[in-house]
């Protein structure tokens, strides 16, 4: 696996308490891959919705309070219903809260070289990909000073159930400022005053019926 693979957490059931309910997968290589020249002017999702027909009584995945939208795209609805049927404890809104927290934690851990945090949030392949990129960066004597300015939107785009495992893909659009310095502290790439917008798809996975509530980052794609 040569890509910056990430683990999606089916989410932090108490961000600081449980570290997260799920995490994203993998990605490797280029330190500045999170900074991609893709722009989207759609408004950010302001609050998560709960996907639970038994409680909402709506007959369909519920919308956000105030009509702000949904935490998923239409193509993901059938998969979400299938997941909810297999796991009645699944909560789409809580998952998305955890997914956004995981996005921030994983990126910051990768940028700073925090292997311990990456180990907690990623599956084996994703973790190895991150570590390989961190080692390559260290061998070049480079240091990242990237900063996640904010997440504009995050939505579930796909849900797959198979072989006792659930996989959820989340699309993140965020603004990131990035700087790369050499061993002498000289700026060699990027700018903190000029943020770029990302368009990332992170897939998280979890074994259904497992006593472990965590989702791990399985893989990442940049659109």
C-alpha atoms as a PDB file:
ATOM      1  CA  UNK A   1       0.000   0.000   0.000  1.00  0.00           C
ATOM      2  CA  UNK A   2       1.672   3.163  -1.180  1.00  0.00           C
ATOM      3  CA  UNK A   3      -1.023   5.657  -0.400  1.00  0.00           C
ATOM      4  CA  UNK A   4      -1.752   7.851   2.625  1.00  0.00           C
ATOM      5  CA  UNK A   5      -4.215   5.296   4.072  1.00  0.00           C
ATOM      6  CA  UNK A   6      -6.534   6.382   6.837  1.00  0.00           C
ATOM      7  CA  UNK A   7      -8.873   4.842   9.345  1.00  0.00           C
ATOM      8  CA  UNK A   8     -12.337   6.024   9.853  1.00  0.00           C
ATOM      9  CA  UNK A   9     -13.606   5.769  13.327  1.00  0.00           C
ATOM     10  CA  UNK A  10     -17.120   4.766  13.676  1.00  0.00           C
ATOM     11  CA  UNK A  11     -16.506   7.248  16.214  1.00  0.00           C
ATOM     12  CA  UNK A  12     -15.349   8.684  19.392  1.00  0.00           C
ATOM     13  CA  UNK A  13     -18.028   7.832  21.900  1.00  0.00           C
ATOM     14  CA  UNK A  14     -16.545  10.551  24.014  1.00  0.00           C
ATOM     15  CA  UNK A  15     -13.670  11.998  22.045  1.00  0.00           C
ATOM     16  CA  UNK A  16     -11.349  12.467  25.018  1.00  0.00           C
ATOM     17  CA  UNK A  17     -12.801   9.543  26.915  1.00  0.00           C
ATOM     18  CA  UNK A  18     -12.486   6.751  24.389  1.00  0.00           C
ATOM     19  CA  UNK A  19     -10.064   8.315  21.940  1.00  0.00           C
ATOM     20  CA  UNK A  20     -12.616   7.667  19.244  1.00  0.00           C
ATOM     21  CA  UNK A  21     -15.394   5.474  18.052  1.00  0.00           C
ATOM     22  CA  UNK A  22     -13.652   4.800  14.869  1.00  0.00           C
ATOM     23  CA  UNK A  23     -10.723   5.791  12.768  1.00  0.00           C
ATOM     24  CA  UNK A  24      -9.559   6.299   9.264  1.00  0.00           C
ATOM     25  CA  UNK A  25      -7.247   4.339   7.020  1.00  0.00           C
ATOM     26  CA  UNK A  26      -4.286   4.893   4.901  1.00  0.00           C
ATOM     27  CA  UNK A  27      -2.198   7.111   2.825  1.00  0.00           C
ATOM     28  CA  UNK A  28       1.472   7.291   2.164  1.00  0.00           C
ATOM     29  CA  UNK A  29       4.159   9.394   0.693  1.00  0.00           C
ATOM     30  CA  UNK A  30       3.883  13.053  -0.030  1.00  0.00           C
ATOM     31  CA  UNK A  31       3.666  15.132   3.111  1.00  0.00           C
ATOM     32  CA  UNK A  32       1.641  17.781   1.391  1.00  0.00           C
ATOM     33  CA  UNK A  33      -0.900  15.469  -0.166  1.00  0.00           C
ATOM     34  CA  UNK A  34      -3.553  16.691   2.303  1.00  0.00           C
ATOM     35  CA  UNK A  35      -3.280  20.109   0.640  1.00  0.00           C
ATOM     36  CA  UNK A  36      -5.095  19.647  -2.644  1.00  0.00           C
ATOM     37  CA  UNK A  37      -6.229  22.402  -5.036  1.00  0.00           C
ATOM     38  CA  UNK A  38      -9.886  21.443  -4.998  1.00  0.00           C
ATOM     39  CA  UNK A  39     -12.611  23.922  -4.053  1.00  0.00           C
ATOM     40  CA  UNK A  40     -16.220  23.464  -3.100  1.00  0.00           C
ATOM     41  CA  UNK A  41     -18.464  26.317  -2.035  1.00  0.00           C
ATOM     42  CA  UNK A  42     -21.237  24.268  -0.495  1.00  0.00           C
ATOM     43  CA  UNK A  43     -22.065  25.265   3.111  1.00  0.00           C
ATOM     44  CA  UNK A  44     -20.626  23.201   5.936  1.00  0.00           C
ATOM     45  CA  UNK A  45     -22.832  20.771   7.853  1.00  0.00           C
ATOM     46  CA  UNK A  46     -23.582  22.474  11.150  1.00  0.00           C
ATOM     47  CA  UNK A  47     -24.811  19.524  13.204  1.00  0.00           C
ATOM     48  CA  UNK A  48     -25.135  15.747  12.927  1.00  0.00           C
ATOM     49  CA  UNK A  49     -28.391  13.904  12.287  1.00  0.00           C
ATOM     50  CA  UNK A  50     -29.445  10.665  13.941  1.00  0.00           C
ATOM     51  CA  UNK A  51     -30.174   7.751  11.651  1.00  0.00           C
ATOM     52  CA  UNK A  52     -32.701   5.778  13.620  1.00  0.00           C
ATOM     53  CA  UNK A  53     -36.208   5.408  12.207  1.00  0.00           C
ATOM     54  CA  UNK A  54     -37.498   3.921  15.407  1.00  0.00           C
ATOM     55  CA  UNK A  55     -36.814   7.157  17.226  1.00  0.00           C
ATOM     56  CA  UNK A  56     -37.361   9.745  14.515  1.00  0.00           C
ATOM     57  CA  UNK A  57     -40.463   8.103  13.095  1.00  0.00           C
ATOM     58  CA  UNK A  58     -39.673   9.708   9.768  1.00  0.00           C
ATOM     59  CA  UNK A  59     -39.408   6.532   7.713  1.00  0.00           C
ATOM     60  CA  UNK A  60     -36.098   7.803   6.320  1.00  0.00           C
ATOM     61  CA  UNK A  61     -32.742   8.955   7.706  1.00  0.00           C
ATOM     62  CA  UNK A  62     -33.454  12.168   9.553  1.00  0.00           C
ATOM     63  CA  UNK A  63     -32.433  15.641   8.442  1.00  0.00           C
ATOM     64  CA  UNK A  64     -30.434  18.013  10.552  1.00  0.00           C
ATOM     65  CA  UNK A  65     -32.204  20.349  12.968  1.00  0.00           C
ATOM     66  CA  UNK A  66     -33.385  23.444  11.149  1.00  0.00           C
ATOM     67  CA  UNK A  67     -33.189  21.734   7.753  1.00  0.00           C
ATOM     68  CA  UNK A  68     -29.446  22.253   7.448  1.00  0.00           C
ATOM     69  CA  UNK A  69     -29.092  18.997   5.542  1.00  0.00           C
ATOM     70  CA  UNK A  70     -28.052  15.403   6.156  1.00  0.00           C
ATOM     71  CA  UNK A  71     -24.871  13.782   7.393  1.00  0.00           C
ATOM     72  CA  UNK A  72     -24.903  11.474   4.363  1.00  0.00           C
ATOM     73  CA  UNK A  73     -25.323  11.712   0.609  1.00  0.00           C
ATOM     74  CA  UNK A  74     -28.371  10.076  -1.040  1.00  0.00           C
ATOM     75  CA  UNK A  75     -26.322   7.223  -2.493  1.00  0.00           C
ATOM     76  CA  UNK A  76     -25.385   6.113   1.029  1.00  0.00           C
ATOM     77  CA  UNK A  77     -28.931   5.800   2.388  1.00  0.00           C
ATOM     78  CA  UNK A  78     -29.503   2.167   1.439  1.00  0.00           C
ATOM     79  CA  UNK A  79     -26.188   1.132   2.971  1.00  0.00           C
ATOM     80  CA  UNK A  80     -26.919   3.087   6.144  1.00  0.00           C
ATOM     81  CA  UNK A  81     -30.264   1.319   6.507  1.00  0.00           C
ATOM     82  CA  UNK A  82     -28.524  -2.015   6.077  1.00  0.00           C
ATOM     83  CA  UNK A  83     -25.969  -1.083   8.728  1.00  0.00           C
ATOM     84  CA  UNK A  84     -28.666   0.099  11.116  1.00  0.00           C
ATOM     85  CA  UNK A  85     -30.501  -3.207  10.655  1.00  0.00           C
ATOM     86  CA  UNK A  86     -27.307  -5.095  11.497  1.00  0.00           C
ATOM     87  CA  UNK A  87     -26.359  -2.835  14.406  1.00  0.00           C
ATOM     88  CA  UNK A  88     -29.201  -0.998  16.129  1.00  0.00           C
ATOM     89  CA  UNK A  89     -26.690   0.863  18.288  1.00  0.00           C
ATOM     90  CA  UNK A  90     -25.180   2.633  15.309  1.00  0.00           C
ATOM     91  CA  UNK A  91     -25.780   6.386  15.343  1.00  0.00           C
ATOM     92  CA  UNK A  92     -24.905   8.289  12.169  1.00  0.00           C
ATOM     93  CA  UNK A  93     -24.690  11.647  13.916  1.00  0.00           C
ATOM     94  CA  UNK A  94     -22.354  10.405  16.622  1.00  0.00           C
ATOM     95  CA  UNK A  95     -20.278   8.612  14.024  1.00  0.00           C
ATOM     96  CA  UNK A  96     -19.820  11.820  12.052  1.00  0.00           C
ATOM     97  CA  UNK A  97     -18.785  13.718  15.168  1.00  0.00           C
ATOM     98  CA  UNK A  98     -16.114  11.074  15.701  1.00  0.00           C
ATOM     99  CA  UNK A  99     -15.135  11.062  12.035  1.00  0.00           C
ATOM    100  CA  UNK A 100     -14.435  14.781  12.067  1.00  0.00           C
ATOM    101  CA  UNK A 101     -12.392  14.446  15.251  1.00  0.00           C
ATOM    102  CA  UNK A 102     -10.461  11.541  13.732  1.00  0.00           C
ATOM    103  CA  UNK A 103      -9.690  13.531  10.594  1.00  0.00           C
ATOM    104  CA  UNK A 104      -8.095  16.259  12.658  1.00  0.00           C
ATOM    105  CA  UNK A 105      -6.257  13.884  15.007  1.00  0.00           C
ATOM    106  CA  UNK A 106      -4.810  11.718  12.252  1.00  0.00           C
ATOM    107  CA  UNK A 107      -3.609  14.610  10.137  1.00  0.00           C
ATOM    108  CA  UNK A 108      -2.009  16.355  13.101  1.00  0.00           C
ATOM    109  CA  UNK A 109      -0.398  13.105  14.277  1.00  0.00           C
ATOM    110  CA  UNK A 110       1.048  12.473  10.826  1.00  0.00           C
ATOM    111  CA  UNK A 111       2.368  16.005  10.492  1.00  0.00           C
ATOM    112  CA  UNK A 112       4.040  15.891  13.916  1.00  0.00           C
ATOM    113  CA  UNK A 113       5.241  12.282  13.638  1.00  0.00           C
ATOM    114  CA  UNK A 114       3.065  11.053  16.532  1.00  0.00           C
ATOM    115  CA  UNK A 115       3.180   7.303  15.912  1.00  0.00           C
ATOM    116  CA  UNK A 116       1.291   6.393  19.079  1.00  0.00           C
ATOM    117  CA  UNK A 117      -1.826   8.296  18.040  1.00  0.00           C
ATOM    118  CA  UNK A 118      -1.646   6.885  14.513  1.00  0.00           C
ATOM    119  CA  UNK A 119      -1.371   3.362  15.937  1.00  0.00           C
ATOM    120  CA  UNK A 120      -4.614   3.884  17.877  1.00  0.00           C
ATOM    121  CA  UNK A 121      -6.594   5.240  14.944  1.00  0.00           C
ATOM    122  CA  UNK A 122      -5.389   3.267  11.906  1.00  0.00           C
ATOM    123  CA  UNK A 123      -5.413  -0.322  10.754  1.00  0.00           C
ATOM    124  CA  UNK A 124      -2.094  -2.068  10.180  1.00  0.00           C
ATOM    125  CA  UNK A 125      -1.647  -1.118   6.526  1.00  0.00           C
ATOM    126  CA  UNK A 126      -2.625   2.496   7.090  1.00  0.00           C
ATOM    127  CA  UNK A 127      -0.320   2.780  10.071  1.00  0.00           C
ATOM    128  CA  UNK A 128       2.615   1.312   8.156  1.00  0.00           C
ATOM    129  CA  UNK A 129       1.991   3.731   5.302  1.00  0.00           C
ATOM    130  CA  UNK A 130       2.041   6.719   7.637  1.00  0.00           C
ATOM    131  CA  UNK A 131       5.177   5.523   9.401  1.00  0.00           C
ATOM    132  CA  UNK A 132       6.989   4.955   6.100  1.00  0.00           C
ATOM    133  CA  UNK A 133       6.172   8.527   5.052  1.00  0.00           C
ATOM    134  CA  UNK A 134       7.299   9.879   8.425  1.00  0.00           C
ATOM    135  CA  UNK A 135      10.577   7.968   8.164  1.00  0.00           C
ATOM    136  CA  UNK A 136      11.182   9.250   4.621  1.00  0.00           C
ATOM    137  CA  UNK A 137      10.554  12.780   5.775  1.00  0.00           C
ATOM    138  CA  UNK A 138      12.958  12.396   8.687  1.00  0.00           C
ATOM    139  CA  UNK A 139      15.627  10.953   6.386  1.00  0.00           C
ATOM    140  CA  UNK A 140      15.399  14.101   4.275  1.00  0.00           C
ATOM    141  CA  UNK A 141      15.658  16.246   7.382  1.00  0.00           C
ATOM    142  CA  UNK A 142      12.319  17.894   6.640  1.00  0.00           C
ATOM    143  CA  UNK A 143       9.733  19.169   9.085  1.00  0.00           C
ATOM    144  CA  UNK A 144       6.072  19.957   8.457  1.00  0.00           C
ATOM    145  CA  UNK A 145       4.270  22.944   9.936  1.00  0.00           C
ATOM    146  CA  UNK A 146       0.847  22.160   8.502  1.00  0.00           C
ATOM    147  CA  UNK A 147      -2.327  23.409  10.136  1.00  0.00           C
ATOM    148  CA  UNK A 148      -5.932  22.343   9.681  1.00  0.00           C
ATOM    149  CA  UNK A 149      -7.793  25.629   9.565  1.00  0.00           C
ATOM    150  CA  UNK A 150     -11.246  24.103   9.483  1.00  0.00           C
ATOM    151  CA  UNK A 151     -13.509  21.401   8.084  1.00  0.00           C
ATOM    152  CA  UNK A 152     -16.011  22.920   5.670  1.00  0.00           C
ATOM    153  CA  UNK A 153     -18.097  19.771   5.328  1.00  0.00           C
ATOM    154  CA  UNK A 154     -18.050  16.058   6.094  1.00  0.00           C
ATOM    155  CA  UNK A 155     -20.596  13.573   4.782  1.00  0.00           C
ATOM    156  CA  UNK A 156     -20.988   9.813   4.484  1.00  0.00           C
ATOM    157  CA  UNK A 157     -20.822   8.901   0.802  1.00  0.00           C
ATOM    158  CA  UNK A 158     -20.907   5.096   0.885  1.00  0.00           C
ATOM    159  CA  UNK A 159     -21.591   2.215   3.264  1.00  0.00           C
ATOM    160  CA  UNK A 160     -20.694  -1.412   2.571  1.00  0.00           C
ATOM    161  CA  UNK A 161     -21.570  -4.503   4.590  1.00  0.00           C
ATOM    162  CA  UNK A 162     -19.881  -7.824   3.882  1.00  0.00           C
ATOM    163  CA  UNK A 163     -18.171 -10.752   5.568  1.00  0.00           C
ATOM    164  CA  UNK A 164     -19.205  -9.523   8.972  1.00  0.00           C
ATOM    165  CA  UNK A 165     -17.562  -6.143   8.432  1.00  0.00           C
ATOM    166  CA  UNK A 166     -18.920  -2.639   7.904  1.00  0.00           C
ATOM    167  CA  UNK A 167     -17.045  -0.030   5.868  1.00  0.00           C
ATOM    168  CA  UNK A 168     -18.044   3.635   5.761  1.00  0.00           C
ATOM    169  CA  UNK A 169     -16.577   6.222   3.419  1.00  0.00           C
ATOM    170  CA  UNK A 170     -16.641   9.891   4.434  1.00  0.00           C
ATOM    171  CA  UNK A 171     -15.936  12.827   2.156  1.00  0.00           C
ATOM    172  CA  UNK A 172     -14.090  15.698   3.848  1.00  0.00           C
ATOM    173  CA  UNK A 173     -13.705  19.170   2.472  1.00  0.00           C
ATOM    174  CA  UNK A 174     -11.350  21.244   4.588  1.00  0.00           C
ATOM    175  CA  UNK A 175      -8.934  24.150   4.468  1.00  0.00           C
ATOM    176  CA  UNK A 176      -5.289  23.392   5.274  1.00  0.00           C
ATOM    177  CA  UNK A 177      -2.229  25.622   5.422  1.00  0.00           C
ATOM    178  CA  UNK A 178       1.070  23.843   4.857  1.00  0.00           C
ATOM    179  CA  UNK A 179       4.731  24.614   5.248  1.00  0.00           C
ATOM    180  CA  UNK A 180       7.719  22.319   4.761  1.00  0.00           C
ATOM    181  CA  UNK A 181      11.120  23.317   6.144  1.00  0.00           C
ATOM    182  CA  UNK A 182      14.511  21.724   5.668  1.00  0.00           C
ATOM    183  CA  UNK A 183      16.929  20.667   8.399  1.00  0.00           C
ATOM    184  CA  UNK A 184      18.126  24.269   8.756  1.00  0.00           C
ATOM    185  CA  UNK A 185      14.615  25.608   9.143  1.00  0.00           C
ATOM    186  CA  UNK A 186      14.536  27.093   5.665  1.00  0.00           C
ATOM    187  CA  UNK A 187      11.155  27.230   3.953  1.00  0.00           C
ATOM    188  CA  UNK A 188      11.163  24.896   0.960  1.00  0.00           C
ATOM    189  CA  UNK A 189       7.416  24.604   0.209  1.00  0.00           C
ATOM    190  CA  UNK A 190       4.030  25.975   1.161  1.00  0.00           C
ATOM    191  CA  UNK A 191       2.617  29.062   2.829  1.00  0.00           C
ATOM    192  CA  UNK A 192       0.745  29.609   6.090  1.00  0.00           C
ATOM    193  CA  UNK A 193      -1.060  32.602   4.595  1.00  0.00           C
ATOM    194  CA  UNK A 194      -2.471  30.743   1.609  1.00  0.00           C
ATOM    195  CA  UNK A 195      -4.652  27.786   2.568  1.00  0.00           C
ATOM    196  CA  UNK A 196      -5.738  25.156   0.057  1.00  0.00           C
ATOM    197  CA  UNK A 197      -8.988  23.232   0.116  1.00  0.00           C
ATOM    198  CA  UNK A 198      -8.881  19.456   0.309  1.00  0.00           C
ATOM    199  CA  UNK A 199     -11.341  16.951  -1.099  1.00  0.00           C
ATOM    200  CA  UNK A 200     -10.553  13.678   0.682  1.00  0.00           C
ATOM    201  CA  UNK A 201     -12.434  10.373   0.874  1.00  0.00           C
ATOM    202  CA  UNK A 202     -11.561   8.334   3.978  1.00  0.00           C
ATOM    203  CA  UNK A 203     -12.889   4.831   4.557  1.00  0.00           C
ATOM    204  CA  UNK A 204     -13.302   3.392   8.049  1.00  0.00           C
ATOM    205  CA  UNK A 205     -14.001  -0.225   8.928  1.00  0.00           C
ATOM    206  CA  UNK A 206     -15.257  -2.217  11.916  1.00  0.00           C
ATOM    207  CA  UNK A 207     -16.194  -5.828  12.597  1.00  0.00           C
ATOM    208  CA  UNK A 208     -19.921  -6.131  13.228  1.00  0.00           C
ATOM    209  CA  UNK A 209     -20.737  -7.635  16.606  1.00  0.00           C
ATOM    210  CA  UNK A 210     -17.292  -6.842  17.961  1.00  0.00           C
ATOM    211  CA  UNK A 211     -17.015  -5.696  21.577  1.00  0.00           C
ATOM    212  CA  UNK A 212     -14.551  -3.074  20.369  1.00  0.00           C
ATOM    213  CA  UNK A 213     -16.561   0.047  19.416  1.00  0.00           C
ATOM    214  CA  UNK A 214     -13.684   1.626  17.490  1.00  0.00           C
ATOM    215  CA  UNK A 215     -13.632   2.130  13.758  1.00  0.00           C
ATOM    216  CA  UNK A 216     -10.199   2.103  12.148  1.00  0.00           C
ATOM    217  CA  UNK A 217      -9.058   4.102   9.170  1.00  0.00           C
ATOM    218  CA  UNK A 218      -8.746   1.691   6.270  1.00  0.00           C
ATOM    219  CA  UNK A 219      -7.848   3.847   3.278  1.00  0.00           C
ATOM    220  CA  UNK A 220      -7.861   7.358   1.856  1.00  0.00           C
ATOM    221  CA  UNK A 221      -8.327   8.816  -1.592  1.00  0.00           C
ATOM    222  CA  UNK A 222      -7.911  12.387  -2.731  1.00  0.00           C
ATOM    223  CA  UNK A 223     -10.404  13.533  -5.352  1.00  0.00           C
END
